[in-house]
Amino acid sequence: MIVIMAVAFTASTTPPPLKVSAENAHRYIGRWVQVTGKMVRIHSAPYKPGVPVFLNMVKPYPNCPLEVVVFESAANHMHPTPTELTGRTITVEGRIQAASGSAAQIVPDRAAALTVLP
């Protein structure tokens, strides 16, 4: 019983993700963050492995400061769908990665890591 309580205590003390703007996301490569921003362009890449969908935040590619990458397997379970996100403000949680063509990328690890704000 002591072990169970120790595990529960450890899990509950995990700090929340760092909140950053899409414009500054490139400064947090490798960090777990939460980013809120407006989706301005959606682009799919059916020729790439996993059939990724790229959600451009703030500005369209190639000038977007942050791309949210959602793979087909996750995109099929999203409501609203990625194509319905254009013009909407979202919050996404995940690890910031370096990218080519945009300042940074974030790949949410689960569907709940991406939420649409009212």
C-alpha atoms as a PDB file:
ATOM      1  CA  MET A   1       0.000   0.000   0.000  1.00  0.00           C
ATOM      2  CA  ILE A   2       2.875   2.371   0.682  1.00  0.00           C
ATOM      3  CA  VAL A   3       4.253   1.738  -2.808  1.00  0.00           C
ATOM      4  CA  ILE A   4       0.905   2.610  -4.403  1.00  0.00           C
ATOM      5  CA  MET A   5       0.721   5.856  -2.445  1.00  0.00           C
ATOM      6  CA  ALA A   6       4.290   6.762  -3.446  1.00  0.00           C
ATOM      7  CA  VAL A   7       3.499   6.207  -7.123  1.00  0.00           C
ATOM      8  CA  ALA A   8       0.312   8.265  -6.879  1.00  0.00           C
ATOM      9  CA  PHE A   9       2.189  11.078  -5.122  1.00  0.00           C
ATOM     10  CA  THR A  10       4.940  11.078  -7.756  1.00  0.00           C
ATOM     11  CA  ALA A  11       2.435  11.202 -10.626  1.00  0.00           C
ATOM     12  CA  SER A  12       0.487  14.053  -9.053  1.00  0.00           C
ATOM     13  CA  THR A  13       3.607  16.206  -8.616  1.00  0.00           C
ATOM     14  CA  THR A  14       4.503  16.198 -12.316  1.00  0.00           C
ATOM     15  CA  PRO A  15       4.784  19.848 -13.320  1.00  0.00           C
ATOM     16  CA  PRO A  16       2.414  21.161 -15.991  1.00  0.00           C
ATOM     17  CA  PRO A  17       3.850  21.790 -19.462  1.00  0.00           C
ATOM     18  CA  LEU A  18       5.544  25.100 -20.114  1.00  0.00           C
ATOM     19  CA  LYS A  19       3.160  27.500 -21.901  1.00  0.00           C
ATOM     20  CA  VAL A  20       4.770  29.211 -24.889  1.00  0.00           C
ATOM     21  CA  SER A  21       3.630  31.158 -27.926  1.00  0.00           C
ATOM     22  CA  ALA A  22       3.842  29.666 -31.403  1.00  0.00           C
ATOM     23  CA  GLU A  23       6.222  32.478 -32.386  1.00  0.00           C
ATOM     24  CA  ASN A  24       8.677  31.495 -29.635  1.00  0.00           C
ATOM     25  CA  ALA A  25       8.295  27.701 -29.855  1.00  0.00           C
ATOM     26  CA  HIS A  26      11.624  27.326 -31.715  1.00  0.00           C
ATOM     27  CA  ARG A  27      13.391  28.456 -28.529  1.00  0.00           C
ATOM     28  CA  TYR A  28      12.147  25.339 -26.716  1.00  0.00           C
ATOM     29  CA  ILE A  29      13.458  22.510 -28.927  1.00  0.00           C
ATOM     30  CA  GLY A  30      13.336  19.265 -26.949  1.00  0.00           C
ATOM     31  CA  ARG A  31      11.051  20.671 -24.233  1.00  0.00           C
ATOM     32  CA  TRP A  32       7.513  19.552 -23.368  1.00  0.00           C
ATOM     33  CA  VAL A  33       5.236  22.557 -23.923  1.00  0.00           C
ATOM     34  CA  GLN A  34       1.680  23.740 -24.416  1.00  0.00           C
ATOM     35  CA  VAL A  35       1.137  26.131 -27.322  1.00  0.00           C
ATOM     36  CA  THR A  36      -2.002  28.096 -28.170  1.00  0.00           C
ATOM     37  CA  GLY A  37      -2.449  29.693 -31.561  1.00  0.00           C
ATOM     38  CA  LYS A  38      -4.571  30.131 -34.636  1.00  0.00           C
ATOM     39  CA  MET A  39      -4.475  27.524 -37.405  1.00  0.00           C
ATOM     40  CA  VAL A  40      -4.106  29.307 -40.722  1.00  0.00           C
ATOM     41  CA  ARG A  41      -3.356  26.500 -43.176  1.00  0.00           C
ATOM     42  CA  ILE A  42      -3.746  22.733 -43.352  1.00  0.00           C
ATOM     43  CA  HIS A  43      -1.664  20.590 -45.717  1.00  0.00           C
ATOM     44  CA  SER A  44      -1.509  16.800 -46.048  1.00  0.00           C
ATOM     45  CA  ALA A  45       1.431  14.854 -47.391  1.00  0.00           C
ATOM     46  CA  PRO A  46       0.029  11.569 -48.757  1.00  0.00           C
ATOM     47  CA  TYR A  47       3.445  10.615 -50.172  1.00  0.00           C
ATOM     48  CA  LYS A  48       5.192  10.620 -46.749  1.00  0.00           C
ATOM     49  CA  PRO A  49       5.221   7.703 -44.280  1.00  0.00           C
ATOM     50  CA  GLY A  50       2.274   7.836 -41.881  1.00  0.00           C
ATOM     51  CA  VAL A  51       0.469  10.309 -44.166  1.00  0.00           C
ATOM     52  CA  PRO A  52       1.055  13.383 -41.981  1.00  0.00           C
ATOM     53  CA  VAL A  53      -1.218  16.407 -41.893  1.00  0.00           C
ATOM     54  CA  PHE A  54       0.609  19.680 -41.222  1.00  0.00           C
ATOM     55  CA  LEU A  55      -1.327  22.338 -39.327  1.00  0.00           C
ATOM     56  CA  ASN A  56       0.376  25.724 -39.789  1.00  0.00           C
ATOM     57  CA  MET A  57       0.055  28.057 -36.810  1.00  0.00           C
ATOM     58  CA  VAL A  58      -0.012  31.861 -37.101  1.00  0.00           C
ATOM     59  CA  LYS A  59       1.386  32.083 -40.688  1.00  0.00           C
ATOM     60  CA  PRO A  60       1.210  29.718 -43.668  1.00  0.00           C
ATOM     61  CA  TYR A  61       4.158  27.535 -44.697  1.00  0.00           C
ATOM     62  CA  PRO A  62       7.008  28.346 -45.313  1.00  0.00           C
ATOM     63  CA  ASN A  63       6.813  31.247 -42.832  1.00  0.00           C
ATOM     64  CA  CYS A  64       4.918  29.487 -40.065  1.00  0.00           C
ATOM     65  CA  PRO A  65       6.665  29.585 -36.710  1.00  0.00           C
ATOM     66  CA  LEU A  66       5.176  26.231 -35.673  1.00  0.00           C
ATOM     67  CA  GLU A  67       3.692  23.268 -37.515  1.00  0.00           C
ATOM     68  CA  VAL A  68       1.553  20.763 -35.689  1.00  0.00           C
ATOM     69  CA  VAL A  69       2.090  17.341 -37.271  1.00  0.00           C
ATOM     70  CA  VAL A  70      -0.805  14.902 -36.965  1.00  0.00           C
ATOM     71  CA  PHE A  71      -0.407  11.468 -38.536  1.00  0.00           C
ATOM     72  CA  GLU A  72      -3.284   9.849 -40.428  1.00  0.00           C
ATOM     73  CA  SER A  73      -3.958   7.302 -37.687  1.00  0.00           C
ATOM     74  CA  ALA A  74      -4.618  10.113 -35.177  1.00  0.00           C
ATOM     75  CA  ALA A  75      -6.261  12.479 -37.686  1.00  0.00           C
ATOM     76  CA  ASN A  76      -8.936   9.861 -38.415  1.00  0.00           C
ATOM     77  CA  HIS A  77     -10.048  10.059 -34.769  1.00  0.00           C
ATOM     78  CA  MET A  78     -10.053  13.846 -34.412  1.00  0.00           C
ATOM     79  CA  HIS A  79     -13.263  15.839 -33.945  1.00  0.00           C
ATOM     80  CA  PRO A  80     -13.302  18.349 -35.483  1.00  0.00           C
ATOM     81  CA  THR A  81     -11.190  16.947 -38.299  1.00  0.00           C
ATOM     82  CA  PRO A  82      -7.917  18.679 -39.255  1.00  0.00           C
ATOM     83  CA  THR A  83      -9.548  20.260 -42.322  1.00  0.00           C
ATOM     84  CA  GLU A  84     -12.167  21.870 -40.053  1.00  0.00           C
ATOM     85  CA  LEU A  85      -9.502  23.616 -37.957  1.00  0.00           C
ATOM     86  CA  THR A  86      -8.572  26.377 -40.416  1.00  0.00           C
ATOM     87  CA  GLY A  87      -9.249  29.737 -38.778  1.00  0.00           C
ATOM     88  CA  ARG A  88      -9.776  28.158 -35.345  1.00  0.00           C
ATOM     89  CA  THR A  89      -7.634  28.683 -32.256  1.00  0.00           C
ATOM     90  CA  ILE A  90      -6.227  25.501 -30.753  1.00  0.00           C
ATOM     91  CA  THR A  91      -4.079  24.446 -27.848  1.00  0.00           C
ATOM     92  CA  VAL A  92      -1.617  21.649 -28.461  1.00  0.00           C
ATOM     93  CA  GLU A  93       0.676  19.851 -26.034  1.00  0.00           C
ATOM     94  CA  GLY A  94       3.822  17.931 -26.924  1.00  0.00           C
ATOM     95  CA  ARG A  95       7.591  18.046 -27.424  1.00  0.00           C
ATOM     96  CA  ILE A  96       8.989  20.769 -29.696  1.00  0.00           C
ATOM     97  CA  GLN A  97      11.208  19.462 -32.511  1.00  0.00           C
ATOM     98  CA  ALA A  98      13.504  21.135 -35.008  1.00  0.00           C
ATOM     99  CA  ALA A  99      12.025  21.250 -38.505  1.00  0.00           C
ATOM    100  CA  SER A 100      12.917  22.062 -42.058  1.00  0.00           C
ATOM    101  CA  GLY A 101      10.672  24.589 -43.780  1.00  0.00           C
ATOM    102  CA  SER A 102       9.222  25.993 -40.567  1.00  0.00           C
ATOM    103  CA  ALA A 103      10.810  27.251 -37.387  1.00  0.00           C
ATOM    104  CA  ALA A 104       9.670  24.237 -35.322  1.00  0.00           C
ATOM    105  CA  GLN A 105       7.258  21.293 -35.187  1.00  0.00           C
ATOM    106  CA  ILE A 106       5.224  19.660 -32.484  1.00  0.00           C
ATOM    107  CA  VAL A 107       3.780  16.152 -32.738  1.00  0.00           C
ATOM    108  CA  PRO A 108       1.000  15.561 -30.205  1.00  0.00           C
ATOM    109  CA  ASP A 109       1.361  12.116 -28.619  1.00  0.00           C
ATOM    110  CA  ARG A 110      -2.387  11.595 -28.252  1.00  0.00           C
ATOM    111  CA  ALA A 111      -5.635  13.047 -29.557  1.00  0.00           C
ATOM    112  CA  ALA A 112      -6.410  14.729 -26.220  1.00  0.00           C
ATOM    113  CA  ALA A 113      -3.200  16.756 -26.573  1.00  0.00           C
ATOM    114  CA  LEU A 114      -4.938  18.952 -29.174  1.00  0.00           C
ATOM    115  CA  THR A 115      -8.017  20.926 -28.171  1.00  0.00           C
ATOM    116  CA  VAL A 116     -10.079  23.520 -30.013  1.00  0.00           C
ATOM    117  CA  LEU A 117     -10.892  26.682 -28.086  1.00  0.00           C
ATOM    118  CA  PRO A 118     -14.296  28.364 -28.334  1.00  0.00           C
END
